Amino acid sequence: MWFTSLLQSLRQIAERNQEAMLPRQKTSRRRASQRHRFVPRLEALEDRMVPSYVFQTIDDPNAGTTGNGIQGTFSVGINAGGQISGNYGDANNVTHGFLLNHGQFASFDDPNAGTGAGQGTGAFGINALGQIVGEFVDANNVQHGFLLSGGQYTTLDDPNAGTGASTPGDKSWERTPTPMAQRTATC
């Protein structure tokens, strides 16, 4: 019922718009009624073609398997070339970055990243040049942004960022990712 009234409203709006756009002419009623009118059509959803997707499970071979929220594989970025970047947590709850390129996994760790539980490297995105941005938590539990480009790491720290340690389990990075890393991800 509501749909019928919506169609009637659309039809009235279309008629008013069409009349406003046409110059006023002296024409007979018969000729005026023969004008083509825009009438919205309703297509049944069942008649439409629905795109088909293929899903693939991605599991880094070095990832832990306890399902505690840290262990496992987390894909977070893909570029037009099909390269996928992400993170995995190992059996010791240390996070590592990975690049999946043509079916081959390559793990990476920022050289300044800590190696204790809750520390490590996390990738957030990859661009068309294969540059990866992300964050790492150092041995003092302080978070930093990074850019990995051509095998070289560049630390990206906002000059206004704090230098205090994150408390274990805080997950403040989920609420406020490193601002520089976000801006660089779009380059």
N, C-alpha and C. Protein backbone atom coordinates (compact mmCIF):
# COMPACT_ATOMS: atom_id res chain seq x y z
N MET A 1 0.81 -1.18 0.00
CA MET A 1 0.00 0.00 0.00
C MET A 1 0.87 1.26 0.00
N TRP A 2 1.87 1.27 0.87
CA TRP A 2 2.75 2.44 0.94
C TRP A 2 3.51 2.61 -0.35
N PHE A 3 3.81 1.49 -1.01
CA PHE A 3 4.57 1.57 -2.25
C PHE A 3 3.73 2.21 -3.35
N THR A 4 2.45 1.88 -3.38
CA THR A 4 1.55 2.47 -4.38
C THR A 4 1.49 3.98 -4.20
N SER A 5 1.37 4.44 -2.97
CA SER A 5 1.33 5.89 -2.74
C SER A 5 2.67 6.54 -3.09
N LEU A 6 3.78 5.83 -2.87
CA LEU A 6 5.09 6.34 -3.26
C LEU A 6 5.17 6.51 -4.78
N LEU A 7 4.70 5.52 -5.51
CA LEU A 7 4.70 5.61 -6.97
C LEU A 7 3.82 6.76 -7.45
N GLN A 8 2.67 6.94 -6.82
CA GLN A 8 1.79 8.04 -7.22
C GLN A 8 2.46 9.38 -6.97
N SER A 9 3.12 9.50 -5.83
CA SER A 9 3.84 10.75 -5.52
C SER A 9 4.95 11.01 -6.52
N LEU A 10 5.71 9.97 -6.86
CA LEU A 10 6.77 10.13 -7.86
C LEU A 10 6.22 10.53 -9.21
N ARG A 11 5.11 9.93 -9.59
CA ARG A 11 4.48 10.24 -10.87
C ARG A 11 4.05 11.71 -10.88
N GLN A 12 3.44 12.20 -9.79
CA GLN A 12 3.01 13.59 -9.72
C GLN A 12 4.20 14.55 -9.78
N ILE A 13 5.26 14.21 -9.09
CA ILE A 13 6.46 15.06 -9.12
C ILE A 13 7.04 15.09 -10.52
N ALA A 14 7.11 13.94 -11.18
CA ALA A 14 7.64 13.88 -12.55
C ALA A 14 6.79 14.70 -13.49
N GLU A 15 5.48 14.65 -13.34
CA GLU A 15 4.59 15.43 -14.21
C GLU A 15 4.81 16.92 -13.99
N ARG A 16 4.93 17.34 -12.72
CA ARG A 16 5.16 18.76 -12.44
C ARG A 16 6.50 19.22 -13.00
N ASN A 17 7.52 18.38 -12.85
CA ASN A 17 8.84 18.74 -13.38
C ASN A 17 8.82 18.84 -14.90
N GLN A 18 8.11 17.92 -15.54
CA GLN A 18 8.04 17.94 -16.99
C GLN A 18 7.29 19.17 -17.48
N GLU A 19 6.21 19.53 -16.80
CA GLU A 19 5.44 20.72 -17.19
C GLU A 19 6.28 21.98 -16.99
N ALA A 20 7.07 22.02 -15.94
CA ALA A 20 7.88 23.21 -15.65
C ALA A 20 8.98 23.39 -16.69
N MET A 21 9.47 22.29 -17.26
CA MET A 21 10.56 22.38 -18.23
C MET A 21 10.07 22.71 -19.64
N LEU A 22 8.83 22.38 -19.97
CA LEU A 22 8.32 22.63 -21.31
C LEU A 22 7.78 24.04 -21.44
N PRO A 23 8.06 24.71 -22.57
CA PRO A 23 7.48 26.04 -22.77
C PRO A 23 5.97 25.90 -22.98
N ARG A 24 5.24 26.88 -22.52
CA ARG A 24 3.78 26.85 -22.67
C ARG A 24 3.43 26.99 -24.15
N GLN A 25 2.62 26.07 -24.61
CA GLN A 25 2.18 26.09 -25.99
C GLN A 25 0.67 25.95 -26.01
N LYS A 26 0.08 26.51 -27.06
CA LYS A 26 -1.35 26.32 -27.24
C LYS A 26 -1.53 25.05 -28.06
N THR A 27 -1.93 23.99 -27.41
CA THR A 27 -2.16 22.72 -28.10
C THR A 27 -3.50 22.18 -27.68
N SER A 28 -3.98 21.35 -28.51
CA SER A 28 -5.27 20.74 -28.20
C SER A 28 -5.09 19.73 -27.08
N ARG A 29 -6.18 19.42 -26.37
CA ARG A 29 -6.11 18.44 -25.28
C ARG A 29 -5.72 17.07 -25.81
N ARG A 30 -6.20 16.73 -26.99
CA ARG A 30 -5.89 15.42 -27.54
C ARG A 30 -4.38 15.28 -27.77
N ARG A 31 -3.75 16.30 -28.32
CA ARG A 31 -2.32 16.25 -28.57
C ARG A 31 -1.54 16.24 -27.25
N ALA A 32 -1.97 17.01 -26.29
CA ALA A 32 -1.30 17.07 -24.99
C ALA A 32 -1.37 15.72 -24.28
N SER A 33 -2.45 15.02 -24.44
CA SER A 33 -2.59 13.73 -23.77
C SER A 33 -1.74 12.66 -24.44
N GLN A 34 -1.27 12.90 -25.65
CA GLN A 34 -0.45 11.92 -26.36
C GLN A 34 1.04 12.03 -26.00
N ARG A 35 1.42 13.02 -25.21
CA ARG A 35 2.81 13.17 -24.81
C ARG A 35 3.26 11.97 -24.00
N HIS A 36 4.53 11.64 -24.18
CA HIS A 36 5.11 10.54 -23.42
C HIS A 36 5.34 10.98 -21.99
N ARG A 37 4.92 10.17 -21.06
CA ARG A 37 5.09 10.48 -19.65
C ARG A 37 6.09 9.50 -19.03
N PHE A 38 6.84 10.03 -18.07
CA PHE A 38 7.75 9.18 -17.31
C PHE A 38 6.94 8.45 -16.25
N VAL A 39 7.05 7.14 -16.25
CA VAL A 39 6.37 6.33 -15.25
C VAL A 39 7.41 5.40 -14.63
N PRO A 40 7.70 5.56 -13.34
CA PRO A 40 8.66 4.66 -12.71
C PRO A 40 8.18 3.23 -12.74
N ARG A 41 9.11 2.31 -12.95
CA ARG A 41 8.77 0.89 -12.99
C ARG A 41 9.29 0.20 -11.74
N LEU A 42 8.54 -0.76 -11.32
CA LEU A 42 8.95 -1.58 -10.20
C LEU A 42 9.41 -2.91 -10.75
N GLU A 43 10.65 -3.29 -10.40
CA GLU A 43 11.16 -4.59 -10.81
C GLU A 43 11.23 -5.49 -9.60
N ALA A 44 10.78 -6.69 -9.75
CA ALA A 44 10.83 -7.65 -8.65
C ALA A 44 12.28 -8.01 -8.38
N LEU A 45 12.64 -8.07 -7.13
CA LEU A 45 14.01 -8.39 -6.75
C LEU A 45 14.41 -9.77 -7.24
N GLU A 46 13.49 -10.68 -7.29
CA GLU A 46 13.79 -12.05 -7.71
C GLU A 46 14.20 -12.13 -9.19
N ASP A 47 13.83 -11.14 -9.98
CA ASP A 47 14.14 -11.16 -11.40
C ASP A 47 15.52 -10.59 -11.71
N ARG A 48 16.17 -10.01 -10.74
CA ARG A 48 17.46 -9.38 -10.98
C ARG A 48 18.59 -10.40 -10.90
N MET A 49 19.64 -10.10 -11.59
CA MET A 49 20.85 -10.92 -11.51
C MET A 49 21.63 -10.49 -10.27
N VAL A 50 22.01 -11.43 -9.48
CA VAL A 50 22.78 -11.16 -8.27
C VAL A 50 24.22 -11.56 -8.54
N PRO A 51 25.18 -10.66 -8.23
CA PRO A 51 26.58 -11.02 -8.49
C PRO A 51 26.99 -12.21 -7.64
N SER A 52 27.89 -12.97 -8.18
CA SER A 52 28.39 -14.14 -7.48
C SER A 52 29.78 -13.83 -6.95
N TYR A 53 30.03 -14.22 -5.71
CA TYR A 53 31.32 -13.97 -5.09
C TYR A 53 31.97 -15.29 -4.71
N VAL A 54 33.28 -15.29 -4.75
CA VAL A 54 34.04 -16.45 -4.32
C VAL A 54 34.82 -16.03 -3.08
N PHE A 55 34.66 -16.75 -2.00
CA PHE A 55 35.36 -16.45 -0.76
C PHE A 55 36.51 -17.42 -0.58
N GLN A 56 37.61 -16.90 -0.06
CA GLN A 56 38.78 -17.73 0.17
C GLN A 56 39.25 -17.51 1.60
N THR A 57 39.48 -18.61 2.30
CA THR A 57 40.01 -18.53 3.66
C THR A 57 41.50 -18.22 3.58
N ILE A 58 41.93 -17.26 4.39
CA ILE A 58 43.34 -16.88 4.42
C ILE A 58 43.86 -17.17 5.82
N ASP A 59 44.76 -18.11 5.92
CA ASP A 59 45.38 -18.46 7.19
C ASP A 59 46.89 -18.44 7.04
N ASP A 60 47.54 -17.49 7.71
CA ASP A 60 48.99 -17.46 7.69
C ASP A 60 49.49 -18.73 8.38
N PRO A 61 50.44 -19.43 7.78
CA PRO A 61 50.91 -20.70 8.37
C PRO A 61 51.55 -20.54 9.74
N ASN A 62 51.96 -19.33 10.13
CA ASN A 62 52.60 -19.11 11.43
C ASN A 62 51.61 -18.65 12.51
N ALA A 63 50.34 -18.52 12.15
CA ALA A 63 49.36 -18.00 13.09
C ALA A 63 49.01 -19.02 14.16
N GLY A 64 48.77 -18.51 15.38
CA GLY A 64 48.29 -19.36 16.46
C GLY A 64 46.83 -19.73 16.21
N THR A 65 46.34 -20.70 16.97
CA THR A 65 44.99 -21.23 16.68
C THR A 65 44.08 -21.29 17.90
N THR A 66 44.40 -20.61 18.98
CA THR A 66 43.56 -20.75 20.17
C THR A 66 42.26 -19.97 20.07
N GLY A 67 42.15 -19.01 19.16
CA GLY A 67 40.92 -18.24 19.03
C GLY A 67 40.69 -17.29 20.19
N ASN A 68 41.75 -16.78 20.79
CA ASN A 68 41.63 -15.90 21.95
C ASN A 68 41.50 -14.43 21.56
N GLY A 69 41.35 -14.13 20.28
CA GLY A 69 41.23 -12.75 19.82
C GLY A 69 42.54 -12.14 19.38
N ILE A 70 43.67 -12.72 19.77
CA ILE A 70 44.98 -12.24 19.32
C ILE A 70 45.53 -13.21 18.29
N GLN A 71 45.41 -14.49 18.55
CA GLN A 71 45.92 -15.49 17.62
C GLN A 71 44.97 -15.62 16.43
N GLY A 72 45.53 -15.98 15.31
CA GLY A 72 44.74 -16.11 14.08
C GLY A 72 45.22 -15.14 13.03
N THR A 73 44.56 -15.13 11.88
CA THR A 73 44.95 -14.30 10.74
C THR A 73 43.87 -13.26 10.48
N PHE A 74 44.28 -12.02 10.25
CA PHE A 74 43.36 -10.92 10.03
C PHE A 74 43.79 -10.15 8.79
N SER A 75 43.10 -10.33 7.69
CA SER A 75 43.41 -9.59 6.46
C SER A 75 42.74 -8.23 6.55
N VAL A 76 43.49 -7.16 6.26
CA VAL A 76 42.92 -5.83 6.42
C VAL A 76 43.07 -4.93 5.19
N GLY A 77 43.88 -5.30 4.23
CA GLY A 77 44.06 -4.44 3.07
C GLY A 77 44.30 -5.25 1.81
N ILE A 78 43.81 -4.70 0.68
CA ILE A 78 44.06 -5.33 -0.62
C ILE A 78 44.21 -4.20 -1.64
N ASN A 79 45.11 -4.38 -2.58
CA ASN A 79 45.27 -3.38 -3.63
C ASN A 79 44.78 -3.94 -4.96
N ALA A 80 44.81 -3.13 -5.99
CA ALA A 80 44.30 -3.53 -7.29
C ALA A 80 45.08 -4.69 -7.89
N GLY A 81 46.32 -4.88 -7.48
CA GLY A 81 47.14 -5.99 -7.97
C GLY A 81 46.85 -7.30 -7.26
N GLY A 82 45.93 -7.27 -6.28
CA GLY A 82 45.58 -8.49 -5.57
C GLY A 82 46.48 -8.81 -4.39
N GLN A 83 47.40 -7.92 -4.05
CA GLN A 83 48.25 -8.13 -2.88
C GLN A 83 47.41 -7.86 -1.63
N ILE A 84 47.50 -8.75 -0.66
CA ILE A 84 46.72 -8.62 0.56
C ILE A 84 47.67 -8.42 1.74
N SER A 85 47.39 -7.41 2.55
CA SER A 85 48.19 -7.19 3.76
C SER A 85 47.32 -7.45 4.97
N GLY A 86 47.97 -7.80 6.06
CA GLY A 86 47.21 -8.07 7.27
C GLY A 86 48.12 -8.39 8.43
N ASN A 87 47.54 -9.03 9.43
CA ASN A 87 48.25 -9.35 10.67
C ASN A 87 47.92 -10.77 11.06
N TYR A 88 48.80 -11.34 11.83
CA TYR A 88 48.48 -12.60 12.48
C TYR A 88 49.10 -12.60 13.86
N GLY A 89 48.44 -13.28 14.77
CA GLY A 89 48.96 -13.44 16.12
C GLY A 89 49.51 -14.85 16.25
N ASP A 90 50.73 -14.97 16.75
CA ASP A 90 51.34 -16.30 16.86
C ASP A 90 50.94 -16.98 18.18
N ALA A 91 51.48 -18.14 18.43
CA ALA A 91 51.14 -18.93 19.63
C ALA A 91 51.54 -18.23 20.92
N ASN A 92 52.44 -17.24 20.84
CA ASN A 92 52.87 -16.49 22.02
C ASN A 92 52.13 -15.16 22.15
N ASN A 93 51.08 -14.96 21.35
CA ASN A 93 50.27 -13.74 21.35
C ASN A 93 51.05 -12.50 20.93
N VAL A 94 52.03 -12.70 20.06
CA VAL A 94 52.78 -11.59 19.47
C VAL A 94 52.21 -11.39 18.06
N THR A 95 51.99 -10.13 17.70
CA THR A 95 51.40 -9.81 16.40
C THR A 95 52.49 -9.57 15.36
N HIS A 96 52.27 -10.06 14.15
CA HIS A 96 53.20 -9.89 13.03
C HIS A 96 52.41 -9.43 11.81
N GLY A 97 53.03 -8.67 10.93
CA GLY A 97 52.41 -8.30 9.68
C GLY A 97 52.66 -9.36 8.63
N PHE A 98 51.78 -9.42 7.62
CA PHE A 98 52.04 -10.32 6.51
C PHE A 98 51.62 -9.68 5.20
N LEU A 99 52.22 -10.16 4.14
CA LEU A 99 51.85 -9.80 2.77
C LEU A 99 51.59 -11.11 2.05
N LEU A 100 50.40 -11.23 1.47
CA LEU A 100 50.06 -12.39 0.66
C LEU A 100 50.09 -11.93 -0.80
N ASN A 101 51.05 -12.45 -1.55
CA ASN A 101 51.26 -12.02 -2.92
C ASN A 101 51.31 -13.25 -3.82
N HIS A 102 50.32 -13.41 -4.68
CA HIS A 102 50.24 -14.56 -5.59
C HIS A 102 50.35 -15.89 -4.85
N GLY A 103 49.65 -15.99 -3.72
CA GLY A 103 49.60 -17.24 -2.97
C GLY A 103 50.77 -17.47 -2.03
N GLN A 104 51.72 -16.55 -1.98
CA GLN A 104 52.90 -16.71 -1.12
C GLN A 104 52.83 -15.74 0.06
N PHE A 105 52.96 -16.26 1.28
CA PHE A 105 52.97 -15.43 2.48
C PHE A 105 54.38 -14.94 2.75
N ALA A 106 54.49 -13.68 3.12
CA ALA A 106 55.74 -13.11 3.61
C ALA A 106 55.42 -12.38 4.91
N SER A 107 56.04 -12.81 6.00
CA SER A 107 55.83 -12.17 7.30
C SER A 107 56.81 -11.01 7.43
N PHE A 108 56.42 -9.99 8.18
CA PHE A 108 57.34 -8.90 8.45
C PHE A 108 57.08 -8.33 9.83
N ASP A 109 58.13 -7.79 10.42
CA ASP A 109 58.09 -7.15 11.73
C ASP A 109 58.91 -5.88 11.68
N ASP A 110 58.32 -4.78 12.14
CA ASP A 110 59.09 -3.56 12.25
C ASP A 110 60.27 -3.84 13.18
N PRO A 111 61.48 -3.41 12.83
CA PRO A 111 62.64 -3.71 13.67
C PRO A 111 62.55 -3.12 15.08
N ASN A 112 61.68 -2.12 15.28
CA ASN A 112 61.53 -1.51 16.60
C ASN A 112 60.38 -2.12 17.40
N ALA A 113 59.71 -3.11 16.84
CA ALA A 113 58.56 -3.72 17.52
C ALA A 113 59.02 -4.61 18.66
N GLY A 114 58.21 -4.64 19.73
CA GLY A 114 58.49 -5.52 20.85
C GLY A 114 58.15 -6.95 20.49
N THR A 115 58.66 -7.87 21.27
CA THR A 115 58.46 -9.30 20.99
C THR A 115 57.71 -10.01 22.11
N GLY A 116 57.16 -9.25 23.05
CA GLY A 116 56.40 -9.84 24.14
C GLY A 116 54.93 -9.98 23.77
N ALA A 117 54.20 -10.70 24.60
CA ALA A 117 52.76 -10.87 24.37
C ALA A 117 52.08 -9.51 24.32
N GLY A 118 51.21 -9.30 23.35
CA GLY A 118 50.51 -8.03 23.18
C GLY A 118 51.31 -6.99 22.43
N GLN A 119 52.52 -7.32 22.01
CA GLN A 119 53.37 -6.41 21.26
C GLN A 119 53.50 -6.93 19.83
N GLY A 120 54.18 -6.17 19.00
CA GLY A 120 54.45 -6.63 17.64
C GLY A 120 54.04 -5.62 16.59
N THR A 121 53.82 -6.11 15.37
CA THR A 121 53.57 -5.29 14.20
C THR A 121 52.20 -5.61 13.62
N GLY A 122 51.46 -4.57 13.24
CA GLY A 122 50.15 -4.77 12.60
C GLY A 122 50.05 -3.93 11.35
N ALA A 123 49.67 -4.55 10.23
CA ALA A 123 49.49 -3.83 8.97
C ALA A 123 48.05 -3.36 8.86
N PHE A 124 47.83 -2.13 8.39
CA PHE A 124 46.49 -1.58 8.22
C PHE A 124 46.08 -1.43 6.77
N GLY A 125 47.02 -1.27 5.85
CA GLY A 125 46.64 -1.06 4.45
C GLY A 125 47.83 -1.18 3.52
N ILE A 126 47.49 -1.34 2.22
CA ILE A 126 48.51 -1.46 1.17
C ILE A 126 48.02 -0.66 -0.03
N ASN A 127 48.92 0.06 -0.69
CA ASN A 127 48.52 0.83 -1.86
C ASN A 127 49.00 0.15 -3.14
N ALA A 128 48.76 0.79 -4.27
CA ALA A 128 49.09 0.22 -5.58
C ALA A 128 50.59 0.00 -5.76
N LEU A 129 51.42 0.74 -5.04
CA LEU A 129 52.87 0.58 -5.13
C LEU A 129 53.39 -0.51 -4.21
N GLY A 130 52.51 -1.13 -3.44
CA GLY A 130 52.92 -2.17 -2.51
C GLY A 130 53.44 -1.63 -1.19
N GLN A 131 53.27 -0.32 -0.96
CA GLN A 131 53.67 0.27 0.31
C GLN A 131 52.64 -0.11 1.37
N ILE A 132 53.13 -0.51 2.53
CA ILE A 132 52.25 -0.97 3.61
C ILE A 132 52.36 0.00 4.77
N VAL A 133 51.21 0.38 5.34
CA VAL A 133 51.18 1.21 6.53
C VAL A 133 50.57 0.42 7.67
N GLY A 134 50.97 0.76 8.88
CA GLY A 134 50.42 0.08 10.02
C GLY A 134 50.95 0.66 11.31
N GLU A 135 50.94 -0.18 12.34
CA GLU A 135 51.42 0.25 13.63
C GLU A 135 52.24 -0.86 14.26
N PHE A 136 53.11 -0.46 15.18
CA PHE A 136 53.82 -1.46 15.97
C PHE A 136 53.81 -1.01 17.43
N VAL A 137 53.88 -1.98 18.31
CA VAL A 137 53.97 -1.72 19.74
C VAL A 137 55.38 -2.11 20.15
N ASP A 138 56.10 -1.15 20.72
CA ASP A 138 57.50 -1.42 21.08
C ASP A 138 57.60 -2.17 22.41
N ALA A 139 58.82 -2.42 22.85
CA ALA A 139 59.06 -3.18 24.08
C ALA A 139 58.53 -2.47 25.32
N ASN A 140 58.28 -1.16 25.24
CA ASN A 140 57.72 -0.40 26.36
C ASN A 140 56.21 -0.25 26.25
N ASN A 141 55.60 -1.00 25.32
CA ASN A 141 54.15 -0.97 25.06
C ASN A 141 53.65 0.39 24.56
N VAL A 142 54.51 1.12 23.83
CA VAL A 142 54.12 2.38 23.21
C VAL A 142 53.84 2.10 21.73
N GLN A 143 52.73 2.63 21.25
CA GLN A 143 52.34 2.41 19.85
C GLN A 143 52.94 3.47 18.94
N HIS A 144 53.32 3.04 17.74
CA HIS A 144 53.90 3.92 16.73
C HIS A 144 53.33 3.52 15.37
N GLY A 145 53.26 4.47 14.45
CA GLY A 145 52.90 4.15 13.08
C GLY A 145 54.14 3.84 12.28
N PHE A 146 53.95 3.12 11.16
CA PHE A 146 55.09 2.87 10.28
C PHE A 146 54.64 2.83 8.83
N LEU A 147 55.61 3.05 7.95
CA LEU A 147 55.45 2.88 6.52
C LEU A 147 56.54 1.91 6.09
N LEU A 148 56.15 0.85 5.40
CA LEU A 148 57.09 -0.11 4.84
C LEU A 148 57.07 0.09 3.33
N SER A 149 58.17 0.59 2.79
CA SER A 149 58.25 0.89 1.37
C SER A 149 59.61 0.44 0.84
N GLY A 150 59.61 -0.44 -0.15
CA GLY A 150 60.86 -0.92 -0.74
C GLY A 150 61.76 -1.61 0.27
N GLY A 151 61.18 -2.27 1.26
CA GLY A 151 61.96 -2.97 2.27
C GLY A 151 62.47 -2.09 3.39
N GLN A 152 62.18 -0.79 3.34
CA GLN A 152 62.65 0.16 4.36
C GLN A 152 61.49 0.59 5.26
N TYR A 153 61.71 0.57 6.56
CA TYR A 153 60.71 1.01 7.52
C TYR A 153 60.93 2.47 7.87
N THR A 154 59.84 3.23 7.91
CA THR A 154 59.87 4.60 8.39
C THR A 154 58.86 4.71 9.53
N THR A 155 59.31 5.14 10.70
CA THR A 155 58.41 5.31 11.83
C THR A 155 57.63 6.61 11.64
N LEU A 156 56.33 6.53 11.85
CA LEU A 156 55.44 7.68 11.69
C LEU A 156 54.81 7.99 13.04
N ASP A 157 55.36 8.97 13.74
CA ASP A 157 54.81 9.38 15.03
C ASP A 157 54.26 10.79 14.91
N ASP A 158 53.01 10.97 15.28
CA ASP A 158 52.42 12.29 15.33
C ASP A 158 53.14 13.08 16.42
N PRO A 159 53.59 14.31 16.13
CA PRO A 159 54.32 15.07 17.15
C PRO A 159 53.49 15.36 18.40
N ASN A 160 52.17 15.29 18.30
CA ASN A 160 51.31 15.55 19.45
C ASN A 160 50.90 14.28 20.18
N ALA A 161 51.40 13.13 19.73
CA ALA A 161 51.01 11.87 20.36
C ALA A 161 51.70 11.71 21.70
N GLY A 162 51.05 10.99 22.59
CA GLY A 162 51.64 10.70 23.88
C GLY A 162 52.70 9.62 23.75
N THR A 163 53.48 9.45 24.79
CA THR A 163 54.52 8.43 24.77
C THR A 163 54.35 7.44 25.90
N GLY A 164 53.18 7.46 26.54
CA GLY A 164 52.92 6.53 27.64
C GLY A 164 52.60 5.15 27.11
N ALA A 165 52.83 4.18 27.96
CA ALA A 165 52.57 2.79 27.59
C ALA A 165 51.08 2.52 27.55
N SER A 166 50.68 1.64 26.64
CA SER A 166 49.30 1.15 26.61
C SER A 166 49.19 0.06 27.66
N THR A 167 48.07 0.02 28.33
CA THR A 167 47.87 -1.07 29.29
C THR A 167 47.44 -2.31 28.54
N PRO A 168 47.93 -3.48 28.94
CA PRO A 168 47.55 -4.71 28.25
C PRO A 168 46.03 -4.86 28.22
N GLY A 169 45.52 -5.21 27.05
CA GLY A 169 44.08 -5.39 26.89
C GLY A 169 43.34 -4.10 26.61
N ASP A 170 44.05 -2.95 26.57
CA ASP A 170 43.41 -1.66 26.38
C ASP A 170 42.76 -1.56 25.00
N LYS A 171 43.46 -2.00 23.97
CA LYS A 171 43.00 -1.97 22.59
C LYS A 171 42.57 -0.57 22.15
N SER A 172 43.25 0.47 22.63
CA SER A 172 42.91 1.83 22.22
C SER A 172 43.14 2.03 20.73
N TRP A 173 43.99 1.23 20.14
CA TRP A 173 44.24 1.32 18.70
C TRP A 173 43.00 1.01 17.90
N GLU A 174 42.04 0.26 18.47
CA GLU A 174 40.80 -0.03 17.74
C GLU A 174 39.92 1.21 17.65
N ARG A 175 40.02 2.11 18.63
CA ARG A 175 39.20 3.30 18.63
C ARG A 175 39.86 4.45 17.88
N THR A 176 41.17 4.58 18.00
CA THR A 176 41.87 5.69 17.38
C THR A 176 43.15 5.20 16.72
N PRO A 177 43.07 4.70 15.48
CA PRO A 177 44.28 4.27 14.79
C PRO A 177 45.25 5.44 14.61
N THR A 178 46.50 5.13 14.39
CA THR A 178 47.52 6.14 14.22
C THR A 178 47.12 7.08 13.09
N PRO A 179 46.92 8.39 13.36
CA PRO A 179 46.47 9.31 12.32
C PRO A 179 47.36 9.34 11.10
N MET A 180 48.69 9.33 11.27
CA MET A 180 49.58 9.35 10.12
C MET A 180 49.39 8.11 9.26
N ALA A 181 49.22 6.96 9.89
CA ALA A 181 49.04 5.72 9.14
C ALA A 181 47.78 5.78 8.31
N GLN A 182 46.73 6.39 8.83
CA GLN A 182 45.50 6.49 8.07
C GLN A 182 45.69 7.38 6.85
N ARG A 183 46.37 8.51 7.03
CA ARG A 183 46.56 9.43 5.90
C ARG A 183 47.46 8.80 4.84
N THR A 184 48.49 8.06 5.26
CA THR A 184 49.42 7.47 4.32
C THR A 184 48.79 6.32 3.56
N ALA A 185 47.80 5.66 4.16
CA ALA A 185 47.19 4.50 3.52
C ALA A 185 46.53 4.85 2.20
N THR A 186 46.19 6.11 1.99
CA THR A 186 45.50 6.50 0.78
C THR A 186 46.43 7.01 -0.31
N CYS A 187 47.75 6.99 -0.07
CA CYS A 187 48.66 7.54 -1.07
C CYS A 187 48.81 6.62 -2.26
